[in-house]
Protein backbone atom coordinates (compact mmCIF):
# COMPACT_ATOMS: atom_id res chain seq x y z
CA UNK A 1 2.72 -22.18 23.03
CA UNK A 2 4.99 -22.11 19.96
CA UNK A 3 4.53 -24.21 16.88
CA UNK A 4 7.33 -25.30 14.62
CA UNK A 5 5.17 -26.51 11.75
CA UNK A 6 1.67 -25.63 10.59
CA UNK A 7 0.63 -24.80 7.00
CA UNK A 8 0.62 -21.05 7.58
CA UNK A 9 4.01 -21.10 9.25
CA UNK A 10 5.85 -23.19 6.73
CA UNK A 11 8.48 -20.52 6.30
CA UNK A 12 10.07 -22.26 9.28
CA UNK A 13 10.76 -25.30 7.08
CA UNK A 14 14.15 -25.67 5.43
CA UNK A 15 14.03 -24.44 1.87
CA UNK A 16 14.70 -27.21 -0.64
CA UNK A 17 15.46 -26.18 -4.20
CA UNK A 18 15.58 -28.09 -7.45
CA UNK A 19 18.85 -28.30 -9.37
CA UNK A 20 16.99 -27.47 -12.60
CA UNK A 21 15.51 -23.95 -12.47
CA UNK A 22 12.08 -23.23 -13.93
CA UNK A 23 12.35 -21.30 -17.19
CA UNK A 24 10.05 -18.72 -18.77
CA UNK A 25 10.48 -17.09 -22.18
CA UNK A 26 9.31 -13.52 -22.75
CA UNK A 27 10.07 -11.00 -25.47
CA UNK A 28 13.16 -9.62 -23.69
CA UNK A 29 14.76 -13.00 -23.04
CA UNK A 30 14.82 -16.15 -20.94
CA UNK A 31 14.11 -15.93 -17.21
CA UNK A 32 15.56 -18.59 -14.90
CA UNK A 33 13.71 -18.89 -11.60
CA UNK A 34 13.99 -20.98 -8.44
CA UNK A 35 11.85 -23.94 -7.37
CA UNK A 36 11.05 -24.44 -3.69
CA UNK A 37 10.23 -28.14 -3.67
CA UNK A 38 9.07 -28.07 -0.03
CA UNK A 39 6.24 -25.67 -0.83
CA UNK A 40 5.98 -26.48 -4.54
CA UNK A 41 6.35 -22.84 -5.52
CA UNK A 42 8.43 -21.29 -8.28
CA UNK A 43 9.73 -17.76 -7.89
CA UNK A 44 11.29 -15.31 -10.35
CA UNK A 45 12.95 -12.32 -8.71
CA UNK A 46 14.39 -9.01 -9.88
CA UNK A 47 12.79 -8.91 -13.35
CA UNK A 48 13.17 -5.45 -14.95
CA UNK A 49 9.87 -4.04 -16.20
CA UNK A 50 11.13 -0.70 -17.54
CA UNK A 51 14.28 0.92 -18.76
CA UNK A 52 16.48 2.01 -15.83
CA UNK A 53 15.41 5.56 -14.79
CA UNK A 54 18.97 6.91 -14.72
CA UNK A 55 20.86 9.62 -16.60
CA UNK A 56 18.51 11.40 -18.96
CA UNK A 57 15.67 9.14 -17.73
CA UNK A 58 16.00 10.36 -14.14
CA UNK A 59 12.83 12.26 -13.21
CA UNK A 60 11.19 11.12 -16.43
CA UNK A 61 8.20 8.85 -16.96
CA UNK A 62 9.35 5.25 -17.05
CA UNK A 63 9.37 3.67 -20.49
CA UNK A 64 8.94 0.05 -21.55
CA UNK A 65 11.97 -2.19 -21.34
CA UNK A 66 13.49 -2.23 -24.80
CA UNK A 67 16.82 -3.91 -24.22
CA UNK A 68 16.97 -7.71 -24.45
CA UNK A 69 18.57 -9.27 -21.40
CA UNK A 70 19.38 -12.64 -22.93
CA UNK A 71 19.22 -15.11 -20.06
CA UNK A 72 18.29 -13.55 -16.72
CA UNK A 73 19.17 -15.33 -13.49
CA UNK A 74 16.07 -14.38 -11.47
CA UNK A 75 17.16 -15.92 -8.17
CA UNK A 76 17.68 -12.68 -6.20
CA UNK A 77 15.77 -9.47 -5.66
CA UNK A 78 16.81 -6.34 -7.47
CA UNK A 79 17.84 -3.24 -5.51
CA UNK A 80 15.21 -1.20 -3.72
CA UNK A 81 14.41 2.27 -4.96
CA UNK A 82 15.99 5.00 -2.85
CA UNK A 83 13.95 5.32 0.32
CA UNK A 84 13.96 7.25 3.56
CA UNK A 85 15.11 4.23 5.60
CA UNK A 86 18.00 3.36 3.24
CA UNK A 87 17.07 -0.32 3.23
CA UNK A 88 17.14 -2.92 0.46
CA UNK A 89 20.50 -1.99 -1.11
CA UNK A 90 18.89 1.03 -2.79
CA UNK A 91 19.68 2.26 -6.27
CA UNK A 92 18.20 4.44 -8.99
CA UNK A 93 18.14 1.36 -11.23
CA UNK A 94 15.34 -0.25 -9.24
CA UNK A 95 12.30 -0.81 -11.47
CA UNK A 96 11.96 -4.55 -11.07
CA UNK A 97 9.21 -6.96 -10.10
CA UNK A 98 8.99 -10.42 -8.56
CA UNK A 99 6.69 -13.34 -9.38
CA UNK A 100 5.63 -16.44 -7.42
CA UNK A 101 3.51 -19.19 -8.96
CA UNK A 102 2.44 -22.70 -7.97
CA UNK A 103 4.93 -25.11 -9.51
CA UNK A 104 4.06 -26.64 -12.86
CA UNK A 105 2.17 -23.71 -14.43
CA UNK A 106 3.33 -22.96 -17.98
CA UNK A 107 2.48 -20.61 -20.79
CA UNK A 108 0.16 -23.26 -22.22
CA UNK A 109 -2.09 -22.83 -19.19
CA UNK A 110 -2.44 -19.06 -18.91
CA UNK A 111 -5.38 -19.11 -16.57
CA UNK A 112 -4.34 -18.34 -12.99
CA UNK A 113 -5.60 -15.13 -11.37
CA UNK A 114 -2.91 -12.65 -10.37
CA UNK A 115 -2.54 -10.69 -7.11
CA UNK A 116 -0.29 -7.63 -7.44
CA UNK A 117 1.09 -6.19 -4.18
CA UNK A 118 2.03 -2.51 -3.69
CA UNK A 119 4.01 -1.69 -0.56
CA UNK A 120 3.26 1.25 1.71
CA UNK A 121 5.56 3.75 3.37
CA UNK A 122 4.11 7.21 2.78
CA UNK A 123 5.53 7.32 -0.78
CA UNK A 124 8.98 7.79 0.77
CA UNK A 125 9.71 4.31 2.16
CA UNK A 126 9.06 0.65 1.38
CA UNK A 127 10.58 -1.94 -0.93
CA UNK A 128 9.42 -5.13 -2.60
CA UNK A 129 12.14 -7.30 -1.05
CA UNK A 130 10.82 -6.69 2.45
CA UNK A 131 10.68 -10.16 4.08
CA UNK A 132 7.07 -9.52 5.11
CA UNK A 133 6.08 -9.67 1.43
CA UNK A 134 7.98 -12.82 0.45
CA UNK A 135 5.33 -14.62 -1.58
CA UNK A 136 6.14 -18.31 -1.19
CA UNK A 137 3.77 -19.08 1.67
CA UNK A 138 0.81 -17.12 0.32
CA UNK A 139 1.22 -18.76 -3.08
CA UNK A 140 1.41 -22.25 -1.55
CA UNK A 141 -1.49 -21.59 0.79
CA UNK A 142 -3.65 -20.37 -2.10
CA UNK A 143 -3.10 -23.71 -3.84
CA UNK A 144 -3.75 -25.60 -0.60
CA UNK A 145 -7.28 -24.15 -0.35
CA UNK A 146 -8.05 -24.74 -4.01
CA UNK A 147 -7.70 -21.09 -5.07
CA UNK A 148 -4.27 -21.02 -6.72
CA UNK A 149 -3.00 -17.59 -7.70
CA UNK A 150 0.15 -15.92 -8.93
CA UNK A 151 1.72 -13.25 -6.72
CA UNK A 152 3.54 -10.19 -8.10
CA UNK A 153 5.38 -7.57 -6.04
CA UNK A 154 7.12 -4.55 -7.52
CA UNK A 155 9.36 -1.58 -6.79
CA UNK A 156 8.39 1.97 -7.69
CA UNK A 157 10.27 5.25 -7.26
CA UNK A 158 9.82 7.14 -4.00
CA UNK A 159 10.46 10.55 -2.47
CA UNK A 160 12.20 13.07 -4.75
CA UNK A 161 12.89 10.45 -7.43
CA UNK A 162 9.24 9.50 -7.77
CA UNK A 163 7.20 12.39 -6.37
CA UNK A 164 9.07 15.66 -6.90
CA UNK A 165 6.75 18.61 -7.48
CA UNK A 166 7.04 22.28 -8.32
CA UNK A 167 5.82 24.41 -11.20
CA UNK A 168 8.75 23.27 -13.33
CA UNK A 169 7.88 19.59 -12.98
CA UNK A 170 4.26 20.45 -13.78
CA UNK A 171 5.27 22.42 -16.87
CA UNK A 172 7.25 19.42 -18.10
CA UNK A 173 4.44 16.95 -17.33
CA UNK A 174 6.58 14.97 -14.88
CA UNK A 175 4.45 14.58 -11.77
CA UNK A 176 3.46 11.46 -9.83
CA UNK A 177 6.22 9.44 -11.50
CA UNK A 178 6.14 6.71 -8.84
CA UNK A 179 2.51 5.92 -9.56
CA UNK A 180 3.21 5.95 -13.26
CA UNK A 181 5.96 3.40 -12.54
CA UNK A 182 3.26 1.20 -11.03
CA UNK A 183 1.14 1.74 -14.10
CA UNK A 184 4.07 0.73 -16.29
CA UNK A 185 4.41 -2.49 -14.28
CA UNK A 186 0.69 -3.17 -14.76
CA UNK A 187 1.17 -2.92 -18.52
CA UNK A 188 4.16 -5.28 -18.29
CA UNK A 189 1.94 -7.76 -16.47
CA UNK A 190 -0.70 -7.51 -19.19
CA UNK A 191 1.91 -8.25 -21.82
CA UNK A 192 3.92 -10.95 -20.06
CA UNK A 193 2.04 -12.69 -17.25
CA UNK A 194 0.56 -15.23 -19.65
CA UNK A 195 4.04 -16.70 -20.10
CA UNK A 196 4.05 -17.46 -16.37
CA UNK A 197 0.62 -19.12 -16.44
CA UNK A 198 -1.32 -16.03 -15.39
CA UNK A 199 -4.52 -14.55 -16.77
CA UNK A 200 -4.09 -10.84 -17.61
CA UNK A 201 -7.86 -10.41 -17.42
CA UNK A 202 -7.90 -11.50 -13.76
CA UNK A 203 -5.56 -9.07 -12.02
CA UNK A 204 -6.32 -7.86 -8.50
CA UNK A 205 -4.37 -5.03 -6.88
CA UNK A 206 -3.62 -5.21 -3.15
CA UNK A 207 -1.65 -2.81 -0.99
CA UNK A 208 -1.26 -1.25 2.43
CA UNK A 209 -1.19 2.41 3.50
CA UNK A 210 0.46 4.31 0.61
CA UNK A 211 0.05 1.11 -1.40
CA UNK A 212 -3.70 1.29 -0.84
CA UNK A 213 -3.68 5.01 -1.66
CA UNK A 214 -1.87 4.14 -4.87
CA UNK A 215 -4.56 1.59 -5.75
CA UNK A 216 -7.48 3.93 -5.35
CA UNK A 217 -5.45 6.50 -7.29
CA UNK A 218 -5.38 3.99 -10.15
CA UNK A 219 -9.11 3.38 -9.66
CA UNK A 220 -9.76 7.08 -10.26
CA UNK A 221 -6.89 7.67 -12.71
CA UNK A 222 -7.54 9.68 -15.85
CA UNK A 223 -10.98 10.60 -14.57
CA UNK A 224 -11.91 7.00 -13.82
CA UNK A 225 -10.94 5.64 -17.24
CA UNK A 226 -10.94 1.85 -17.38
CA UNK A 227 -7.76 0.63 -19.10
CA UNK A 228 -8.58 -3.01 -18.20
CA UNK A 229 -5.37 -3.33 -16.17
CA UNK A 230 -7.10 -4.79 -13.07
CA UNK A 231 -10.54 -5.93 -12.02
CA UNK A 232 -10.45 -6.04 -8.22
CA UNK A 233 -8.89 -4.12 -5.33
CA UNK A 234 -7.83 -4.82 -1.73
CA UNK A 235 -7.24 -1.64 0.28
CA UNK A 236 -5.46 -2.18 3.60
CA UNK A 237 -5.31 0.85 5.93
CA UNK A 238 -5.35 3.43 3.19
CA UNK A 239 -5.96 7.10 3.90
CA UNK A 240 -7.92 9.68 1.92
CA UNK A 241 -5.81 12.80 2.00
CA UNK A 242 -6.74 16.12 0.40
CA UNK A 243 -4.50 16.72 -2.59
CA UNK A 244 -3.16 19.99 -3.92
CA UNK A 245 -1.50 21.25 -7.05
CA UNK A 246 2.24 20.78 -7.48
CA UNK A 247 3.21 24.39 -6.86
CA UNK A 248 2.15 24.79 -3.23
CA UNK A 249 4.82 26.58 -1.16
CA UNK A 250 6.13 23.40 0.49
CA UNK A 251 6.29 21.47 -2.80
CA UNK A 252 7.93 24.37 -4.61
CA UNK A 253 10.47 24.81 -1.84
CA UNK A 254 11.59 21.20 -2.24
CA UNK A 255 12.26 21.74 -5.93
CA UNK A 256 13.88 25.14 -5.40
CA UNK A 257 16.30 23.62 -2.89
CA UNK A 258 17.77 21.47 -5.66
CA UNK A 259 18.61 24.65 -7.54
CA UNK A 260 19.74 27.00 -4.80
CA UNK A 261 21.66 24.42 -2.74
CA UNK A 262 23.66 22.88 -5.59
CA UNK A 263 25.70 23.79 -8.65
CA UNK A 264 22.35 24.14 -10.42
CA UNK A 265 22.17 27.67 -8.99
CA UNK A 266 23.55 28.74 -12.37
CA UNK A 267 20.14 27.84 -13.87
CA UNK A 268 18.17 29.92 -11.38
CA UNK A 269 16.83 32.16 -14.15
CA UNK A 270 16.72 29.41 -16.73
CA UNK A 271 13.86 27.42 -18.19
CA UNK A 272 12.24 24.43 -16.54
CA UNK A 273 14.03 22.13 -18.99
CA UNK A 274 17.41 23.70 -18.18
CA UNK A 275 16.86 23.28 -14.46
CA UNK A 276 15.83 19.67 -14.90
CA UNK A 277 18.82 18.89 -17.09
CA UNK A 278 21.08 20.18 -14.34
CA UNK A 279 19.28 18.18 -11.64
CA UNK A 280 19.68 15.05 -13.76
CA UNK A 281 23.42 15.60 -13.68
CA UNK A 282 23.69 15.77 -9.88
CA UNK A 283 25.17 12.80 -8.08
CA UNK A 284 22.71 10.88 -5.92
CA UNK A 285 24.12 11.91 -2.50
CA UNK A 286 23.97 15.59 -3.48
CA UNK A 287 20.44 15.31 -4.79
CA UNK A 288 19.19 13.50 -1.68
CA UNK A 289 20.96 15.88 0.70
CA UNK A 290 19.82 19.04 -1.06
CA UNK A 291 16.17 18.45 -1.91
CA UNK A 292 13.47 19.70 0.45
CA UNK A 293 11.41 17.33 2.56
CA UNK A 294 8.03 17.88 0.93
CA UNK A 295 7.33 15.41 -1.85
CA UNK A 296 4.22 13.39 -2.65
CA UNK A 297 1.20 12.90 -4.84
CA UNK A 298 -0.26 16.03 -6.40
CA UNK A 299 -3.04 16.94 -8.80
CA UNK A 300 -1.48 16.82 -12.25
CA UNK A 301 -4.62 17.31 -14.37
CA UNK A 302 -4.11 13.97 -16.09
CA UNK A 303 -3.36 10.85 -14.05
CA UNK A 304 -4.53 12.48 -10.79
CA UNK A 305 -7.30 14.99 -11.45
CA UNK A 306 -8.84 15.43 -8.02
CA UNK A 307 -8.83 14.16 -4.44
CA UNK A 308 -10.41 10.81 -3.67
CA UNK A 309 -13.47 12.20 -1.91
CA UNK A 310 -14.41 14.26 -4.97
CA UNK A 311 -13.79 11.38 -7.37
CA UNK A 312 -15.96 9.08 -5.30
CA UNK A 313 -18.87 11.47 -5.04
CA UNK A 314 -18.75 12.25 -8.76
CA UNK A 315 -18.55 8.57 -9.70
CA UNK A 316 -15.28 9.10 -11.56
CA UNK A 317 -13.55 5.85 -10.60
CA UNK A 318 -13.34 2.23 -11.67
CA UNK A 319 -16.36 0.37 -10.31
CA UNK A 320 -14.79 -2.92 -9.28
CA UNK A 321 -15.22 -5.40 -6.39
CA UNK A 322 -13.25 -4.16 -3.40
CA UNK A 323 -12.06 -5.30 0.02
CA UNK A 324 -11.41 -2.36 2.32
CA UNK A 325 -10.09 -2.75 5.84
CA UNK A 326 -8.34 -1.29 8.83
CA UNK A 327 -6.64 -2.46 12.01
CA UNK A 328 -8.06 -1.90 15.47
CA UNK A 329 -5.38 0.53 16.70
CA UNK A 330 -4.49 2.49 13.58
CA UNK A 331 -3.71 5.73 15.40
CA UNK A 332 -0.60 4.47 17.17
CA UNK A 333 1.51 5.29 14.11
CA UNK A 334 0.14 8.75 13.33
CA UNK A 335 -0.91 10.40 16.61
CA UNK A 336 1.16 12.91 18.60
CA UNK A 337 2.33 11.90 22.06
CA UNK A 338 2.87 13.75 25.34
CA UNK A 339 -0.54 15.40 24.99
CA UNK A 340 -1.68 16.40 28.47
CA UNK A 341 -4.50 18.90 27.92
CA UNK A 342 -7.21 19.54 25.36
CA UNK A 343 -5.45 22.72 24.33
CA UNK A 344 -2.33 20.66 23.61
CA UNK A 345 -4.43 18.58 21.22
CA UNK A 346 -6.02 21.44 19.28
CA UNK A 347 -2.91 22.37 17.29
CA UNK A 348 -2.00 18.84 16.12
CA UNK A 349 -5.60 18.06 15.14
CA UNK A 350 -5.84 21.33 13.22
CA UNK A 351 -2.50 20.69 11.49
CA UNK A 352 -3.66 17.18 10.65
CA UNK A 353 -1.66 14.50 8.95
CA UNK A 354 -0.60 14.92 5.32
CA UNK A 355 -3.00 17.87 5.10
CA UNK A 356 -2.29 20.80 2.76
CA UNK A 357 -3.83 23.34 5.11
CA UNK A 358 -4.99 23.64 8.71
CA UNK A 359 -8.50 22.71 9.75
CA UNK A 360 -10.52 25.65 11.09
CA UNK A 361 -10.28 25.78 14.89
CA UNK A 362 -14.04 25.34 15.17
CA UNK A 363 -13.89 22.11 13.15
CA UNK A 364 -10.95 20.79 15.16
CA UNK A 365 -12.60 21.73 18.48
CA UNK A 366 -15.91 20.11 17.55
CA UNK A 367 -14.13 16.94 16.51
CA UNK A 368 -12.15 16.76 19.76
CA UNK A 369 -15.36 17.17 21.76
CA UNK A 370 -16.70 13.95 20.25
CA UNK A 371 -14.01 11.82 21.94
CA UNK A 372 -13.66 10.82 25.56
CA UNK A 373 -10.71 11.72 27.76
CA UNK A 374 -11.17 8.40 29.56
CA UNK A 375 -8.10 6.25 28.75
CA UNK A 376 -10.23 3.11 28.97
CA UNK A 377 -11.99 4.30 25.81
CA UNK A 378 -8.80 5.30 24.03
CA UNK A 379 -6.33 3.72 21.63
CA UNK A 380 -4.72 1.22 21.87
CA UNK A 381 -8.17 -0.08 22.69
CA UNK A 382 -8.97 -2.65 25.35
CA UNK A 383 -5.93 -1.68 27.44
CA UNK A 384 -7.75 -0.07 30.37
CA UNK A 385 -5.98 2.69 32.29
CA UNK A 386 -2.53 1.70 31.01
CA UNK A 387 -0.62 4.43 29.21
CA UNK A 388 2.17 3.66 26.76
CA UNK A 389 3.55 7.20 26.49
CA UNK A 390 3.80 10.25 28.69
CA UNK A 391 0.70 12.31 27.96
CA UNK A 392 -2.53 11.96 29.91
CA UNK A 393 -4.53 12.36 26.68
CA UNK A 394 -2.28 10.35 24.36
CA UNK A 395 -4.85 7.57 24.03
CA UNK A 396 -7.52 10.10 23.12
CA UNK A 397 -5.19 11.59 20.50
CA UNK A 398 -4.53 8.12 19.15
CA UNK A 399 -8.27 7.51 18.74
CA UNK A 400 -8.76 10.78 16.87
CA UNK A 401 -5.82 10.39 14.51
CA UNK A 402 -6.54 6.74 13.71
CA UNK A 403 -10.08 7.71 12.76
CA UNK A 404 -8.98 10.66 10.63
CA UNK A 405 -6.15 8.93 8.81
CA UNK A 406 -7.51 5.44 8.17
CA UNK A 407 -10.82 4.41 9.73
CA UNK A 408 -13.08 7.22 8.51
CA UNK A 409 -11.67 6.97 4.95
CA UNK A 410 -12.29 3.20 4.93
CA UNK A 411 -15.87 3.68 6.10
CA UNK A 412 -16.44 6.41 3.54
CA UNK A 413 -15.05 4.30 0.70
CA UNK A 414 -17.13 1.29 1.75
CA UNK A 415 -20.33 3.37 1.90
CA UNK A 416 -19.83 5.10 -1.43
CA UNK A 417 -18.79 2.00 -3.35
CA UNK A 418 -21.74 0.08 -1.90
CA UNK A 419 -24.19 2.80 -2.92
CA UNK A 420 -22.83 2.62 -6.46
CA UNK A 421 -23.64 -1.08 -6.63
CA UNK A 422 -20.07 -2.35 -6.29
CA UNK A 423 -19.65 -5.44 -4.06
CA UNK A 424 -17.61 -4.40 -1.02
CA UNK A 425 -16.26 -6.45 1.86
CA UNK A 426 -15.08 -4.64 4.99
CA UNK A 427 -12.73 -6.05 7.65
CA UNK A 428 -11.16 -5.06 10.96
CA UNK A 429 -7.92 -6.85 11.80
CA UNK A 430 -7.81 -7.59 15.51
CA UNK A 431 -4.80 -9.82 16.25
CA UNK A 432 -2.03 -8.49 18.50
CA UNK A 433 1.23 -9.58 16.87
CA UNK A 434 3.80 -11.55 18.87
CA UNK A 435 6.72 -9.69 20.42
CA UNK A 436 6.49 -7.63 23.60
CA UNK A 437 8.43 -4.73 22.12
CA UNK A 438 5.39 -3.85 19.97
CA UNK A 439 2.78 -4.09 22.70
CA UNK A 440 2.52 -0.32 23.12
CA UNK A 441 1.56 0.05 19.47
CA UNK A 442 -1.31 -2.41 19.83
CA UNK A 443 -2.84 -3.71 16.62
CA UNK A 444 -1.46 -0.80 14.67
CA UNK A 445 -0.97 0.16 11.05
CA UNK A 446 0.84 -2.42 8.88
CA UNK A 447 0.82 -5.35 11.34
CA UNK A 448 -1.65 -7.28 9.16
CA UNK A 449 0.78 -7.54 6.24
CA UNK A 450 2.86 -10.33 7.73
CA UNK A 451 -0.38 -12.27 8.29
CA UNK A 452 -1.62 -11.86 4.71
CA UNK A 453 1.63 -13.39 3.46
CA UNK A 454 1.93 -15.94 6.31
CA UNK A 455 5.34 -14.59 7.26
CA UNK A 456 4.70 -13.99 10.97
CA UNK A 457 7.90 -14.08 13.02
CA UNK A 458 7.73 -16.03 16.31
CA UNK A 459 4.14 -16.96 15.52
CA UNK A 460 1.90 -18.71 18.00
CA UNK A 461 -0.81 -21.17 16.98
CA UNK A 462 -3.32 -18.30 17.07
CA UNK A 463 -1.16 -16.19 14.78
CA UNK A 464 -0.77 -19.10 12.39
CA UNK A 465 -4.51 -19.66 12.37
CA UNK A 466 -5.51 -16.14 11.41
CA UNK A 467 -2.59 -15.83 8.97
CA UNK A 468 -3.70 -18.89 7.03
CA UNK A 469 -7.31 -17.69 7.11
CA UNK A 470 -6.49 -14.18 5.96
CA UNK A 471 -4.31 -15.35 3.09
CA UNK A 472 -7.04 -17.79 2.06
CA UNK A 473 -9.60 -14.96 1.97
CA UNK A 474 -7.34 -12.77 -0.15
CA UNK A 475 -6.62 -15.68 -2.51
CA UNK A 476 -10.33 -16.52 -2.83
CA UNK A 477 -11.13 -12.90 -3.63
CA UNK A 478 -8.39 -12.71 -6.25
CA UNK A 479 -9.50 -16.04 -7.68
CA UNK A 480 -13.27 -15.52 -7.79
CA UNK A 481 -13.92 -11.88 -6.80
CA UNK A 482 -15.54 -13.30 -3.64
CA UNK A 483 -13.67 -14.16 -0.42
CA UNK A 484 -16.32 -16.66 0.69
CA UNK A 485 -15.08 -19.56 -1.40
CA UNK A 486 -12.87 -20.73 1.47
CA UNK A 487 -14.64 -19.69 4.68
CA UNK A 488 -16.10 -23.10 5.51
CA UNK A 489 -12.80 -24.85 4.86
CA UNK A 490 -10.69 -22.54 7.02
CA UNK A 491 -13.18 -22.14 9.87
CA UNK A 492 -14.52 -18.63 9.32
CA UNK A 493 -18.08 -17.29 9.37
CA UNK A 494 -19.56 -16.27 6.04
CA UNK A 495 -18.29 -12.80 5.22
CA UNK A 496 -21.30 -10.73 4.10
CA UNK A 497 -20.91 -7.79 1.79
CA UNK A 498 -20.95 -4.39 3.46
CA UNK A 499 -24.48 -3.58 2.32
CA UNK A 500 -26.94 -1.31 4.06
CA UNK A 501 -26.16 -2.96 7.40
CA UNK A 502 -22.46 -1.96 7.23
CA UNK A 503 -21.32 -5.54 7.79
CA UNK A 504 -17.68 -6.15 8.64
CA UNK A 505 -15.64 -9.20 9.60
CA UNK A 506 -13.37 -9.03 12.65
CA UNK A 507 -10.30 -11.17 11.95
CA UNK A 508 -8.71 -12.72 15.03
CA UNK A 509 -6.81 -15.90 15.70
CA UNK A 510 -8.93 -16.38 18.81
CA UNK A 511 -12.15 -16.49 16.79
CA UNK A 512 -13.37 -14.23 14.02
CA UNK A 513 -16.88 -12.74 13.96
CA UNK A 514 -19.17 -10.35 12.12
CA UNK A 515 -19.86 -6.85 13.44
CA UNK A 516 -21.51 -3.69 12.18
CA UNK A 517 -19.08 -0.97 11.13
CA UNK A 518 -20.77 1.65 13.30
CA UNK A 519 -18.39 2.11 16.25
CA UNK A 520 -17.58 5.72 17.17
CA UNK A 521 -20.33 6.58 14.71
CA UNK A 522 -20.91 10.26 15.50
CA UNK A 523 -17.21 11.17 15.51
CA UNK A 524 -16.34 9.24 12.36
CA UNK A 525 -19.33 10.65 10.48
CA UNK A 526 -18.19 14.14 11.44
CA UNK A 527 -14.76 13.36 10.00
CA UNK A 528 -16.35 12.11 6.77
CA UNK A 529 -18.63 15.15 6.49
CA UNK A 530 -16.35 17.97 7.67
CA UNK A 531 -12.70 16.90 7.95
CA UNK A 532 -11.97 14.79 4.88
CA UNK A 533 -13.53 17.25 2.40
CA UNK A 534 -11.72 20.27 3.85
CA UNK A 535 -9.03 21.39 1.45
CA UNK A 536 -9.75 18.58 -1.03
CA UNK A 537 -9.24 19.90 -4.54
């Protein structure tokens, strides 16, 4: 059954726009947006929040936007930041954000809560203009359930432009630039969102995968310092990877490649500043082709001082209400395939995923022993004997990697935050998306995003149902710091906090329910106790 029109699927409606654009005045100028009269939503796209990070500002911390832009036509997205998939018309001049608000909100009514979305992609991919994150439907649906919010999405630098490491970058204090871009955008929101009708004191951060990792990195930033930039968090499928310093061999090799593989070889014996000046002069294709593959978040001693597991256990993080969740079949995006024997599995498990060093063989072997070789018990779950790739133990591998990368971290975060007295809500997303080409991936990492924003392609009635419900929950949380303000209206059971019973909601278009977050308990606890801490600085 296919539906052409339900509230959650209203992206299928023709877009009707007003001839007179909505206008907002901020310090830098006048912003002209677009009104969607069908959904009664105003959007403002491609707003710069920092000076362009080009020329001498390449590989520098982003700085506030100083230049006035006069009148800005905010009817189209800005370019994506350079990314590994080369999507979104990428450019270095990419530090822009996008805003959606229910129509009619003005600066005289600066009271709406704000939901800020950070895309995932392993800190090498992703862009704010991804159609999955188009905010019209979520904004309209939030108003429809009486929890109106403003949506903000933003670009941040990726790969070598945002997360280049090496001892030189450390010496110059230029690490984790992409996350500092996010931080710069948060400050812009504090200064300007009131002009759009938003309340800067009611900002919730939401993100998926690397977006979720970014959020908890802000929660523990500067040793857990509270800069009052946000007061709630939604973590979708985030990992908890051990972090290292910036001068590990792989990180250093990536930086060194920019020197030895380019005209910057003349600075080989020069200072860090001389090397960086040369790198800033390279053209973009040369820089991208020459840099090594290893980039990412590192411990910088300032913004990022330790790995998540250490910050949590020391209490050095922002204690704020949090939603933390995962999808049923997380491992389909991270697990190796063509695994036929247990010995084939030992190496990949020991190597891990985004790990700075191998797990001891005894740890890897013990972990493997806690999982069944029976494909009926493997991932994608609930698929019986069916295999979706060549290896006899691929479904076992998928179970292990999904638990290591996403599910054990989510359970750990929920437990620790709950013990600290923070209200936590846990979810498991359990809706298989439409489209047969994705069946082999099951309910894998990232599929929930299109449901949060009610942008499901080829949606069935069941997809539309859970999409509307999920967006309503997120809006209620952002609005009131409690998702339960809409459950009766949208047909969901009350969503209890995690608590000592490890309560979790299972979100499905065929009927959502409450479960205890205890499945695969022995294996996941072993990951929390022995795998996640290993190598965590």
